[in-house]
């Protein structure tokens, strides 16, 4: 490494290690982990809950169709659930790829956090916050539409998709406002 390259790297490293940068990077990392967990719950947990077929004293029972309709789609439960959601029109095939990219970024942040805090060349892809927000909106409205169509309290009411707002959607909008 020549002297100029070394000095540039040292300058970038000093900037990355400033108190404000460390604090900002830790906040961004934490918020990204929260965003992923919101997405994971909408993808995996709500898909599985869709297949609940009753219960007894030992707990809830999942329909065997969950294994054949969802789990059989991919060995990874997150991807399998995304693929099932895509087959139902909740996500596009491109959205499945975006969801996977968010998952991959989450794993990198969670398992390599020091790198994102100190390495001048490592940063969280902030565009994925917006993508997570978009996916959470699509999924919140998908699941919300199912509730509207199946819950008799909504009988006779016209509820537009734009009027459906879930808790994860609200929280993700707030996270996005903090990050941007």
Protein backbone atom coordinates (compact mmCIF):
# COMPACT_ATOMS: atom_id res chain seq x y z
CA UNK A 1 0.00 0.00 0.00
CA UNK A 2 1.52 3.29 -1.01
CA UNK A 3 1.68 6.23 1.38
CA UNK A 4 -1.25 8.12 -0.19
CA UNK A 5 -3.52 5.07 -0.09
CA UNK A 6 -2.54 4.40 3.52
CA UNK A 7 -3.27 8.02 4.53
CA UNK A 8 -6.67 7.92 2.82
CA UNK A 9 -7.52 4.69 4.60
CA UNK A 10 -6.40 6.12 7.96
CA UNK A 11 -8.59 9.18 7.36
CA UNK A 12 -11.62 7.03 6.51
CA UNK A 13 -10.93 4.84 9.55
CA UNK A 14 -10.75 7.87 11.87
CA UNK A 15 -14.06 9.10 10.47
CA UNK A 16 -15.67 5.69 10.89
CA UNK A 17 -14.44 5.47 14.49
CA UNK A 18 -15.74 8.90 15.52
CA UNK A 19 -18.30 8.76 18.32
CA UNK A 20 -21.06 10.04 16.06
CA UNK A 21 -20.33 7.50 13.34
CA UNK A 22 -20.13 4.57 15.77
CA UNK A 23 -23.39 5.62 17.38
CA UNK A 24 -25.09 6.09 14.01
CA UNK A 25 -23.83 2.75 12.71
CA UNK A 26 -25.02 0.92 15.82
CA UNK A 27 -28.44 2.56 15.58
CA UNK A 28 -28.70 1.67 11.88
CA UNK A 29 -27.62 -1.91 12.59
CA UNK A 30 -30.14 -2.29 15.40
CA UNK A 31 -32.95 -0.82 13.34
CA UNK A 32 -32.08 -3.09 10.44
CA UNK A 33 -32.30 -6.12 12.72
CA UNK A 34 -35.71 -4.90 13.92
CA UNK A 35 -36.87 -4.36 10.33
CA UNK A 36 -35.86 -7.89 9.41
CA UNK A 37 -37.65 -9.36 12.44
CA UNK A 38 -40.82 -7.51 11.44
CA UNK A 39 -40.51 -8.94 7.92
CA UNK A 40 -39.69 -12.43 9.20
CA UNK A 41 -42.81 -12.44 11.36
CA UNK A 42 -45.02 -11.36 8.44
CA UNK A 43 -43.46 -13.99 6.19
CA UNK A 44 -42.93 -17.04 8.40
CA UNK A 45 -45.16 -16.62 11.44
CA UNK A 46 -48.27 -15.34 9.69
CA UNK A 47 -47.97 -17.89 6.90
CA UNK A 48 -47.80 -20.69 9.46
CA UNK A 49 -50.67 -19.15 11.44
CA UNK A 50 -52.76 -19.17 8.26
CA UNK A 51 -52.63 -22.96 8.41
CA UNK A 52 -53.72 -23.31 12.05
CA UNK A 53 -56.45 -25.95 12.11
CA UNK A 54 -57.60 -25.81 15.71
CA UNK A 55 -55.99 -26.87 18.91
CA UNK A 56 -56.29 -28.72 22.15
CA UNK A 57 -54.67 -28.77 25.59
CA UNK A 58 -51.27 -29.45 24.02
CA UNK A 59 -51.45 -26.35 21.82
CA UNK A 60 -52.36 -25.22 18.34
CA UNK A 61 -52.48 -27.74 15.52
CA UNK A 62 -51.12 -26.87 12.11
CA UNK A 63 -52.84 -28.37 9.09
CA UNK A 64 -50.83 -30.99 7.17
CA UNK A 65 -51.32 -28.71 4.17
CA UNK A 66 -48.70 -26.36 5.67
CA UNK A 67 -46.06 -29.02 5.04
CA UNK A 68 -47.24 -29.78 1.51
CA UNK A 69 -48.21 -26.26 0.41
CA UNK A 70 -45.44 -24.23 2.06
CA UNK A 71 -42.58 -26.18 3.63
CA UNK A 72 -42.18 -28.39 0.55
CA UNK A 73 -41.41 -25.32 -1.60
CA UNK A 74 -37.87 -24.85 -0.22
CA UNK A 75 -35.66 -26.27 2.51
CA UNK A 76 -35.40 -22.77 4.00
CA UNK A 77 -38.64 -21.84 5.79
CA UNK A 78 -38.24 -18.11 5.04
CA UNK A 79 -37.82 -18.69 1.30
CA UNK A 80 -40.56 -21.34 1.28
CA UNK A 81 -42.97 -18.91 2.93
CA UNK A 82 -41.98 -16.14 0.50
CA UNK A 83 -42.61 -18.48 -2.42
CA UNK A 84 -46.03 -19.42 -1.04
CA UNK A 85 -46.86 -15.72 -0.57
CA UNK A 86 -45.79 -15.09 -4.17
CA UNK A 87 -48.06 -17.92 -5.34
CA UNK A 88 -50.92 -16.10 -3.59
CA UNK A 89 -50.08 -12.73 -5.17
CA UNK A 90 -48.91 -11.12 -1.94
CA UNK A 91 -45.35 -10.81 -3.30
CA UNK A 92 -43.93 -10.78 -6.81
CA UNK A 93 -41.11 -13.12 -7.82
CA UNK A 94 -38.81 -10.08 -7.67
CA UNK A 95 -40.02 -9.36 -4.13
CA UNK A 96 -38.94 -12.86 -3.10
CA UNK A 97 -35.42 -11.96 -4.22
CA UNK A 98 -35.55 -8.66 -2.34
CA UNK A 99 -36.78 -10.40 0.81
CA UNK A 100 -33.88 -12.83 0.51
CA UNK A 101 -31.42 -9.93 0.10
CA UNK A 102 -32.82 -8.37 3.28
CA UNK A 103 -32.38 -11.69 5.07
CA UNK A 104 -28.78 -11.99 3.84
CA UNK A 105 -27.99 -8.42 4.96
CA UNK A 106 -29.56 -9.19 8.36
CA UNK A 107 -27.36 -12.23 8.80
CA UNK A 108 -24.25 -10.26 7.86
CA UNK A 109 -25.11 -7.44 10.28
CA UNK A 110 -26.00 -9.81 13.12
CA UNK A 111 -22.95 -12.04 12.72
CA UNK A 112 -20.38 -9.42 11.71
CA UNK A 113 -21.49 -6.37 13.70
CA UNK A 114 -17.95 -5.20 14.59
CA UNK A 115 -17.12 -5.08 10.89
CA UNK A 116 -20.05 -2.71 10.25
CA UNK A 117 -18.98 -0.54 13.15
CA UNK A 118 -15.25 -0.19 12.38
CA UNK A 119 -14.52 -1.19 8.77
CA UNK A 120 -14.55 1.88 6.51
CA UNK A 121 -15.52 -0.35 3.58
CA UNK A 122 -18.50 -2.01 5.31
CA UNK A 123 -21.88 -0.35 5.48
CA UNK A 124 -25.49 -1.36 5.70
CA UNK A 125 -27.34 -1.10 2.40
CA UNK A 126 -29.80 1.59 3.48
CA UNK A 127 -31.91 1.05 0.36
CA UNK A 128 -33.01 -2.22 1.95
CA UNK A 129 -34.86 -0.25 4.65
CA UNK A 130 -37.13 1.17 1.95
CA UNK A 131 -37.51 -2.26 0.39
CA UNK A 132 -38.42 -3.78 3.77
CA UNK A 133 -41.00 -1.02 4.21
CA UNK A 134 -42.47 -1.77 0.78
CA UNK A 135 -42.66 -5.52 1.49
CA UNK A 136 -44.17 -4.99 4.95
CA UNK A 137 -46.80 -2.75 3.40
CA UNK A 138 -47.68 -5.36 0.77
CA UNK A 139 -47.81 -8.15 3.36
CA UNK A 140 -49.71 -6.08 5.92
CA UNK A 141 -52.36 -5.35 3.34
CA UNK A 142 -52.43 -8.97 2.14
CA UNK A 143 -53.01 -10.32 5.65
CA UNK A 144 -55.33 -7.43 6.46
CA UNK A 145 -57.44 -8.14 3.39
CA UNK A 146 -57.88 -11.74 4.58
CA UNK A 147 -59.15 -10.44 7.93
CA UNK A 148 -61.52 -7.99 6.23
CA UNK A 149 -62.92 -10.72 3.99
CA UNK A 150 -63.35 -13.34 6.73
CA UNK A 151 -64.27 -11.38 9.87
CA UNK A 152 -68.00 -10.66 10.11
CA UNK A 153 -67.36 -7.35 11.90
CA UNK A 154 -66.41 -5.98 8.46
CA UNK A 155 -69.52 -7.30 6.68
CA UNK A 156 -71.13 -4.65 4.51
CA UNK A 157 -68.13 -2.32 4.76
CA UNK A 158 -65.97 -1.23 1.88
CA UNK A 159 -62.37 -1.10 3.04
CA UNK A 160 -59.75 -0.15 0.49
CA UNK A 161 -56.30 -1.70 0.63
CA UNK A 162 -54.86 1.78 1.20
CA UNK A 163 -56.89 1.97 4.42
CA UNK A 164 -55.36 -1.21 5.83
CA UNK A 165 -52.48 -0.45 8.17
CA UNK A 166 -50.86 -3.05 10.41
CA UNK A 167 -48.70 -2.58 13.48
CA UNK A 168 -45.56 -3.72 11.64
CA UNK A 169 -46.31 -1.23 8.85
CA UNK A 170 -46.59 1.63 11.35
CA UNK A 171 -43.39 0.63 13.15
CA UNK A 172 -41.47 0.22 9.87
CA UNK A 173 -42.61 3.67 8.70
CA UNK A 174 -41.22 5.09 11.93
CA UNK A 175 -37.94 3.19 11.52
CA UNK A 176 -37.67 4.52 7.97
CA UNK A 177 -38.18 8.08 9.23
CA UNK A 178 -35.36 7.61 11.75
CA UNK A 179 -32.96 6.08 9.22
CA UNK A 180 -33.59 8.68 6.54
